Amino acid sequence: MTMYLTLAVILLVFVVIFQIAKASEYVAVLKGEEQNRKQTNKINGFLMVAFLVLGLIGVWYCNKLYFSKTLLSIDAASIQGEKVDLMIWWTLGVTGVTFIATQIMLFVLAFKYQEKENRKVYFFAHSTFLEVLWTSVPAIVLTGLIVFGLKNWAFFTSEAPKDAIQIEVTGKQFGWIFRYPGKDATFGKKYFKVIDPASNSLGLIWKDSADLNLKDDPFSHDDIVTEGTMYVVKGKPCKLIIGSRDVIHDVGLSQFRLKMDAVPGIPTTMWFTPKYTTEEMKTITGNPNFQYEISCDQMCGNGHYSMKGVIVVVSQEEYNAWLAKQKPYYFSAFPEKAPAEKAADATITATATTAVIADSAAKK
């Protein structure tokens, strides 16, 4: 109901302005062009001030109505994100104050210096002082903001701490693949020509290939690969090694205030330190269904809209328990080589052998 009422008021304002314009045309016919022009100037001057007041009220109302729905209403979920938020607030402060001040000057001066009988126009061709002022001040301010941004960029794209969790993030049409190093803490090599979407989605080198001049890389045998969901630890740095399997994607971590392009053949990196677990953020946001999201911030095809992943932030103990349950990707492709399955086969064989011996003894 409120929306319909607002639309009705806006429509009514336009109708009133249209009627005033039409009335001005009729007055022009009756009073003459000169008199009509002066009258129009007065009307326009009044409308300038009215538009200024209504515009500022509208800005304030929209901010009050929608600010709680923006990301800035909730603290950044990473230490790096805090610096990004600070940069955003400084940028909004500088540009916001400048915008409001210039708009007030624009509309107020248009009203104050409207045409009058006893006023003459003052004209000057050049002012070096003004030229230097309105060129140097914006240049200095914007340079400061750029330096601020570059400093933050250098911080979370620099070398991650040595104890950081390393996770490889690979974009594909249309989803995310995550790889964790196994017990050897080393990522195995991969090669795009051996990618098999069904059994080897990253192209890990698991066997020799004379045609491709490849040798089996044992470091890849214990790598853990998951799709759709990534686990990280609260309070522990996490380094992302980012790439793409097909076209350019972009890793967007909105709650952490970070993003980085995923480019085929050119790995990019960034790191961050989560501040809150997923469960804590459910309490902070008041949303029991809250999830940290990894989105693709680069148009990458028809299914771009569906390219969403989930980040689960847990404690170190929970992370260790989750990691212990994961099976190396190598054993998914070669189940016969899985140690657990070998042990299970040995147990079944031993049990069967024991049963046969017992049965034979019973018959004797």
Protein backbone atom coordinates (compact mmCIF):
# COMPACT_ATOMS: atom_id res chain seq x y z
CA MET A 1 0.00 0.00 0.00
CA THR A 2 2.85 2.38 0.87
CA MET A 3 4.47 1.74 -2.52
CA TYR A 4 1.27 2.58 -4.41
CA LEU A 5 0.84 5.76 -2.35
CA THR A 6 4.43 6.82 -3.10
CA LEU A 7 3.93 6.22 -6.83
CA ALA A 8 0.70 8.21 -6.72
CA VAL A 9 2.45 11.16 -5.04
CA ILE A 10 5.28 11.09 -7.62
CA LEU A 11 2.75 10.99 -10.47
CA LEU A 12 0.84 13.88 -8.91
CA VAL A 13 4.03 15.97 -8.69
CA PHE A 14 4.71 15.40 -12.40
CA VAL A 15 1.13 16.34 -13.27
CA VAL A 16 1.44 19.56 -11.24
CA ILE A 17 4.72 20.45 -12.96
CA PHE A 18 3.16 19.75 -16.36
CA GLN A 19 0.16 21.95 -15.57
CA ILE A 20 2.43 24.75 -14.38
CA ALA A 21 4.36 24.52 -17.65
CA LYS A 22 1.16 24.66 -19.69
CA ALA A 23 -0.10 27.58 -17.64
CA SER A 24 3.17 29.39 -18.29
CA GLU A 25 2.63 29.01 -22.02
CA TYR A 26 -0.83 30.59 -21.75
CA VAL A 27 0.58 33.44 -19.64
CA ALA A 28 3.24 34.00 -22.30
CA VAL A 29 0.56 34.50 -24.90
CA LEU A 30 -1.29 36.98 -22.72
CA LYS A 31 1.64 38.94 -21.22
CA GLY A 32 4.27 38.69 -23.89
CA GLU A 33 7.51 36.71 -24.21
CA GLU A 34 9.69 38.92 -21.97
CA GLN A 35 7.33 38.86 -19.04
CA ASN A 36 6.83 35.12 -19.43
CA ARG A 37 10.59 34.50 -19.36
CA LYS A 38 10.96 36.37 -16.08
CA GLN A 39 8.06 34.47 -14.57
CA THR A 40 9.54 31.18 -15.74
CA ASN A 41 12.86 32.05 -14.09
CA LYS A 42 11.11 32.58 -10.76
CA ILE A 43 9.28 29.28 -11.05
CA ASN A 44 12.47 27.45 -11.98
CA GLY A 45 14.30 29.04 -9.05
CA PHE A 46 11.63 27.84 -6.65
CA LEU A 47 11.65 24.36 -8.17
CA MET A 48 15.45 24.23 -7.77
CA VAL A 49 15.18 24.72 -4.00
CA ALA A 50 12.23 22.33 -3.74
CA PHE A 51 14.12 19.67 -5.67
CA LEU A 52 17.16 20.13 -3.41
CA VAL A 53 15.14 19.70 -0.22
CA LEU A 54 13.15 16.73 -1.53
CA GLY A 55 16.31 15.15 -2.93
CA LEU A 56 18.20 15.36 0.36
CA ILE A 57 15.20 13.97 2.23
CA GLY A 58 15.01 11.14 -0.31
CA VAL A 59 18.70 10.31 0.16
CA TRP A 60 18.27 10.22 3.94
CA TYR A 61 15.12 8.10 3.72
CA CYS A 62 16.64 5.58 1.30
CA ASN A 63 19.68 5.26 3.54
CA LYS A 64 17.48 4.64 6.57
CA LEU A 65 15.34 2.14 4.66
CA TYR A 66 18.00 0.09 2.90
CA PHE A 67 21.29 0.46 4.79
CA SER A 68 20.50 -2.52 7.03
CA LYS A 69 20.27 -4.67 3.87
CA THR A 70 23.78 -3.79 2.68
CA LEU A 71 27.02 -5.59 3.57
CA LEU A 72 28.34 -2.50 5.35
CA SER A 73 25.73 -2.89 8.09
CA ILE A 74 27.65 -5.98 9.31
CA ASP A 75 31.34 -6.07 10.22
CA ALA A 76 33.72 -7.59 7.69
CA ALA A 77 34.28 -11.26 8.44
CA SER A 78 38.06 -11.08 7.94
CA ILE A 79 40.93 -8.99 9.26
CA GLN A 80 41.76 -7.90 5.71
CA GLY A 81 38.13 -6.95 5.18
CA GLU A 82 38.31 -4.51 8.09
CA LYS A 83 40.88 -2.48 6.15
CA VAL A 84 38.70 -2.58 3.03
CA ASP A 85 35.69 -1.37 5.05
CA LEU A 86 37.76 1.49 6.47
CA MET A 87 38.79 2.45 2.94
CA ILE A 88 35.15 2.34 1.78
CA TRP A 89 34.00 4.55 4.65
CA TRP A 90 36.74 7.09 3.94
CA THR A 91 35.80 7.09 0.25
CA LEU A 92 32.11 7.48 1.02
CA GLY A 93 32.89 10.25 3.51
CA VAL A 94 35.03 12.28 1.12
CA THR A 95 32.82 11.80 -1.94
CA GLY A 96 29.60 12.09 0.07
CA VAL A 97 30.51 15.40 1.71
CA THR A 98 31.73 16.74 -1.64
CA PHE A 99 28.54 15.64 -3.40
CA ILE A 100 26.19 17.14 -0.83
CA ALA A 101 28.16 20.40 -0.63
CA THR A 102 28.30 20.87 -4.41
CA GLN A 103 24.60 20.03 -4.84
CA ILE A 104 23.60 22.54 -2.18
CA MET A 105 25.77 25.19 -3.82
CA LEU A 106 24.39 24.34 -7.27
CA PHE A 107 20.72 24.69 -6.39
CA VAL A 108 21.01 27.48 -3.83
CA LEU A 109 23.14 29.66 -6.12
CA ALA A 110 20.76 28.98 -9.03
CA PHE A 111 17.94 30.33 -6.86
CA LYS A 112 19.88 33.22 -5.33
CA TYR A 113 21.30 34.57 -8.56
CA GLN A 114 18.25 34.25 -10.75
CA GLU A 115 17.56 37.07 -13.20
CA LYS A 116 16.38 40.37 -11.69
CA GLU A 117 15.74 43.83 -13.10
CA ASN A 118 18.56 45.63 -11.25
CA ARG A 119 21.20 42.86 -11.50
CA LYS A 120 23.90 42.63 -14.14
CA VAL A 121 25.87 39.52 -15.04
CA TYR A 122 29.48 39.46 -13.86
CA PHE A 123 31.84 37.80 -16.34
CA PHE A 124 35.53 36.95 -16.11
CA ALA A 125 37.51 35.10 -18.74
CA HIS A 126 40.13 33.36 -16.60
CA SER A 127 41.27 32.75 -13.02
CA THR A 128 44.56 30.94 -12.44
CA PHE A 129 43.80 30.57 -8.76
CA LEU A 130 40.49 28.79 -9.37
CA GLU A 131 42.02 26.58 -12.06
CA VAL A 132 44.80 25.46 -9.71
CA LEU A 133 42.37 25.04 -6.80
CA TRP A 134 39.78 22.81 -8.49
CA THR A 135 42.49 20.78 -10.22
CA SER A 136 44.99 20.25 -7.40
CA VAL A 137 42.57 19.59 -4.53
CA PRO A 138 40.69 16.70 -6.23
CA ALA A 139 44.00 15.33 -7.54
CA ILE A 140 45.56 15.28 -4.06
CA VAL A 141 42.47 13.74 -2.44
CA LEU A 142 42.06 11.05 -5.10
CA THR A 143 45.78 10.24 -4.99
CA GLY A 144 45.46 9.71 -1.23
CA LEU A 145 42.52 7.33 -1.74
CA ILE A 146 44.41 5.43 -4.45
CA VAL A 147 47.47 5.01 -2.22
CA PHE A 148 45.16 3.81 0.57
CA GLY A 149 43.66 1.22 -1.78
CA LEU A 150 47.01 0.05 -3.19
CA LYS A 151 48.36 -0.42 0.33
CA ASN A 152 45.41 -2.66 1.23
CA TRP A 153 45.73 -4.56 -2.06
CA ALA A 154 49.42 -5.18 -1.41
CA PHE A 155 48.57 -6.46 2.07
CA PHE A 156 46.24 -9.31 1.12
CA THR A 157 48.04 -10.22 -2.11
CA SER A 158 51.44 -10.39 -0.40
CA GLU A 159 53.07 -13.63 0.73
CA ALA A 160 50.85 -15.38 3.28
CA PRO A 161 52.19 -16.35 6.73
CA LYS A 162 54.06 -19.68 6.81
CA ASP A 163 51.38 -21.33 8.97
CA ALA A 164 48.57 -20.41 6.55
CA ILE A 165 46.20 -23.08 5.27
CA GLN A 166 46.69 -23.45 1.52
CA ILE A 167 43.67 -24.11 -0.68
CA GLU A 168 43.61 -24.20 -4.45
CA VAL A 169 40.44 -22.69 -5.92
CA THR A 170 39.60 -23.53 -9.53
CA GLY A 171 36.68 -22.00 -11.38
CA LYS A 172 34.78 -23.87 -14.05
CA GLN A 173 31.53 -23.39 -15.93
CA PHE A 174 29.64 -23.27 -13.62
CA GLY A 175 31.03 -24.12 -10.20
CA TRP A 176 34.08 -24.21 -7.93
CA ILE A 177 36.63 -26.97 -7.28
CA PHE A 178 38.72 -26.87 -4.10
CA ARG A 179 41.97 -28.78 -3.53
CA TYR A 180 43.79 -29.29 -0.22
CA PRO A 181 47.30 -30.72 0.09
CA GLY A 182 47.46 -34.08 1.85
CA LYS A 183 49.73 -35.20 4.67
CA ASP A 184 52.82 -34.26 2.66
CA ALA A 185 51.60 -30.61 2.70
CA THR A 186 52.48 -30.32 -1.00
CA PHE A 187 50.20 -29.93 -3.99
CA GLY A 188 50.75 -32.47 -6.74
CA LYS A 189 51.36 -31.37 -10.30
CA LYS A 190 48.55 -31.13 -12.84
CA TYR A 191 48.24 -30.83 -16.60
CA PHE A 192 45.22 -29.59 -18.50
CA LYS A 193 45.45 -32.25 -21.21
CA VAL A 194 44.70 -35.05 -18.75
CA ILE A 195 41.56 -33.41 -17.35
CA ASP A 196 38.63 -35.81 -17.19
CA PRO A 197 35.43 -34.18 -15.85
CA ALA A 198 34.23 -37.53 -14.53
CA SER A 199 37.32 -38.85 -12.73
CA ASN A 200 40.06 -36.19 -12.81
CA SER A 201 38.47 -32.75 -12.85
CA LEU A 202 41.75 -30.90 -12.23
CA GLY A 203 44.05 -32.95 -14.46
CA LEU A 204 46.25 -34.30 -11.67
CA ILE A 205 49.20 -36.35 -12.95
CA TRP A 206 48.57 -39.85 -11.60
CA LYS A 207 50.38 -41.99 -14.14
CA ASP A 208 53.14 -41.95 -16.70
CA SER A 209 52.37 -40.77 -20.20
CA ALA A 210 55.03 -41.10 -22.88
CA ASP A 211 52.90 -39.19 -25.40
CA LEU A 212 52.63 -36.15 -23.11
CA ASN A 213 56.07 -36.62 -21.54
CA LEU A 214 54.54 -36.93 -18.07
CA LYS A 215 55.60 -38.93 -15.04
CA ASP A 216 53.39 -40.02 -12.18
CA ASP A 217 53.62 -37.43 -9.39
CA PRO A 218 53.35 -39.11 -5.96
CA PHE A 219 52.62 -35.75 -4.31
CA SER A 220 49.22 -35.75 -6.03
CA HIS A 221 48.16 -39.08 -4.55
CA ASP A 222 47.07 -37.65 -1.20
CA ASP A 223 45.54 -34.37 -2.42
CA ILE A 224 41.94 -33.85 -1.33
CA VAL A 225 39.48 -32.41 -3.86
CA THR A 226 35.96 -31.17 -3.09
CA GLU A 227 33.38 -29.22 -5.07
CA GLY A 228 30.92 -26.56 -3.95
CA THR A 229 32.02 -26.17 -0.32
CA MET A 230 35.29 -24.92 1.14
CA TYR A 231 36.33 -25.28 4.79
CA VAL A 232 38.58 -22.74 6.53
CA VAL A 233 39.57 -22.07 10.15
CA LYS A 234 38.62 -19.11 12.31
CA GLY A 235 41.62 -16.99 13.29
CA LYS A 236 44.05 -18.83 11.00
CA PRO A 237 45.40 -17.31 7.76
CA CYS A 238 44.15 -18.99 4.60
CA LYS A 239 45.99 -18.65 1.30
CA LEU A 240 43.95 -19.14 -1.87
CA ILE A 241 45.74 -20.21 -5.05
CA ILE A 242 43.25 -19.27 -7.74
CA GLY A 243 42.89 -20.47 -11.32
CA SER A 244 40.34 -21.42 -13.97
CA ARG A 245 39.67 -24.54 -16.03
CA ASP A 246 37.99 -22.78 -18.96
CA VAL A 247 37.14 -19.05 -19.13
CA ILE A 248 37.90 -16.08 -16.86
CA HIS A 249 36.01 -16.22 -13.58
CA ASP A 250 36.33 -14.11 -10.44
CA VAL A 251 36.45 -15.33 -6.85
CA GLY A 252 34.12 -13.02 -4.93
CA LEU A 253 34.14 -13.26 -1.13
CA SER A 254 31.66 -10.52 -0.28
CA GLN A 255 31.43 -11.12 3.48
CA PHE A 256 35.24 -11.12 3.67
CA ARG A 257 35.41 -8.04 1.36
CA LEU A 258 37.82 -9.69 -1.07
CA LYS A 259 37.85 -10.66 -4.73
CA MET A 260 40.37 -11.94 -7.24
CA ASP A 261 40.29 -12.93 -10.92
CA ALA A 262 40.54 -16.61 -11.83
CA VAL A 263 42.43 -16.70 -15.13
CA PRO A 264 43.16 -19.84 -17.19
CA GLY A 265 46.88 -20.67 -17.08
CA ILE A 266 47.81 -17.75 -14.80
CA PRO A 267 47.52 -18.56 -11.07
CA THR A 268 46.64 -15.64 -8.80
CA THR A 269 46.80 -15.58 -5.01
CA MET A 270 45.39 -13.79 -2.01
CA TRP A 271 45.05 -14.59 1.68
CA PHE A 272 42.72 -13.69 4.49
CA THR A 273 42.10 -14.47 8.15
CA PRO A 274 38.47 -15.26 9.11
CA LYS A 275 37.17 -13.56 12.25
CA TYR A 276 33.93 -15.44 12.91
CA THR A 277 32.79 -19.02 12.45
CA THR A 278 29.70 -19.69 10.40
CA GLU A 279 27.75 -20.42 13.60
CA GLU A 280 28.85 -17.11 15.14
CA MET A 281 27.76 -15.21 12.02
CA LYS A 282 24.33 -16.80 12.28
CA THR A 283 24.02 -15.15 15.68
CA ILE A 284 25.53 -11.83 14.56
CA THR A 285 23.24 -11.53 11.53
CA GLY A 286 20.19 -13.00 13.24
CA ASN A 287 19.85 -15.35 10.28
CA PRO A 288 19.79 -19.06 11.21
CA ASN A 289 20.32 -19.94 7.52
CA PHE A 290 23.38 -17.72 7.04
CA GLN A 291 26.17 -19.02 4.80
CA TYR A 292 29.43 -17.48 3.71
CA GLU A 293 29.30 -17.28 -0.06
CA ILE A 294 31.85 -17.57 -2.82
CA SER A 295 30.42 -16.08 -5.99
CA CYS A 296 31.69 -15.50 -9.51
CA ASP A 297 32.01 -11.74 -10.02
CA GLN A 298 32.84 -12.02 -13.72
CA MET A 299 30.31 -12.78 -16.45
CA CYS A 300 31.37 -16.25 -17.58
CA GLY A 301 28.50 -17.66 -19.65
CA ASN A 302 24.82 -18.60 -19.60
CA GLY A 303 25.04 -20.29 -16.21
CA HIS A 304 26.95 -17.46 -14.51
CA TYR A 305 24.03 -16.71 -12.19
CA SER A 306 24.22 -20.20 -10.66
CA MET A 307 27.97 -20.20 -9.94
CA LYS A 308 27.80 -20.11 -6.17
CA GLY A 309 29.89 -21.91 -3.58
CA VAL A 310 29.75 -22.09 0.20
CA ILE A 311 32.53 -21.31 2.67
CA VAL A 312 32.27 -22.96 6.08
CA VAL A 313 34.34 -21.32 8.82
CA VAL A 314 34.97 -23.65 11.76
CA SER A 315 37.31 -24.06 14.72
CA GLN A 316 40.67 -25.79 14.33
CA GLU A 317 39.33 -28.93 16.03
CA GLU A 318 36.31 -29.08 13.73
CA TYR A 319 38.53 -28.53 10.70
CA ASN A 320 40.88 -31.34 11.72
CA ALA A 321 37.92 -33.69 12.22
CA TRP A 322 36.47 -32.77 8.80
CA LEU A 323 39.85 -33.17 7.08
CA ALA A 324 40.37 -36.60 8.65
CA LYS A 325 37.14 -37.84 7.07
CA GLN A 326 38.15 -36.80 3.54
CA LYS A 327 39.44 -39.41 1.10
CA PRO A 328 42.25 -38.47 -1.28
CA TYR A 329 40.98 -37.80 -4.79
CA TYR A 330 43.43 -40.38 -6.16
CA PHE A 331 41.60 -43.19 -4.37
CA SER A 332 38.28 -42.07 -5.86
CA ALA A 333 39.75 -42.69 -9.31
CA PHE A 334 41.62 -45.84 -8.23
CA PRO A 335 39.55 -47.41 -5.42
CA GLU A 336 41.50 -50.64 -5.61
CA LYS A 337 44.59 -48.78 -4.37
CA ALA A 338 42.90 -47.30 -1.29
CA PRO A 339 44.60 -48.59 1.91
CA ALA A 340 41.32 -48.80 3.78
CA GLU A 341 39.76 -50.93 1.07
CA LYS A 342 42.83 -53.17 0.96
CA ALA A 343 42.56 -53.66 4.70
CA ALA A 344 38.86 -54.41 4.35
CA ASP A 345 39.58 -56.96 1.62
CA ALA A 346 42.24 -58.60 3.81
CA THR A 347 39.78 -58.82 6.71
CA ILE A 348 37.12 -60.39 4.50
CA THR A 349 39.64 -62.88 3.11
CA ALA A 350 40.89 -63.81 6.58
CA THR A 351 37.35 -64.25 7.83
CA ALA A 352 36.45 -66.45 4.88
CA THR A 353 39.60 -68.53 5.34
CA THR A 354 38.85 -69.00 9.03
CA ALA A 355 35.30 -70.05 8.19
CA VAL A 356 36.53 -72.63 5.66
CA ILE A 357 39.06 -74.09 8.12
CA ALA A 358 36.43 -74.28 10.86
CA ASP A 359 33.96 -75.92 8.51
CA SER A 360 36.55 -78.48 7.44
CA ALA A 361 37.45 -79.23 11.04
CA ALA A 362 33.81 -79.74 11.89
CA LYS A 363 33.33 -82.21 9.03
CA LYS A 364 36.37 -84.22 10.20
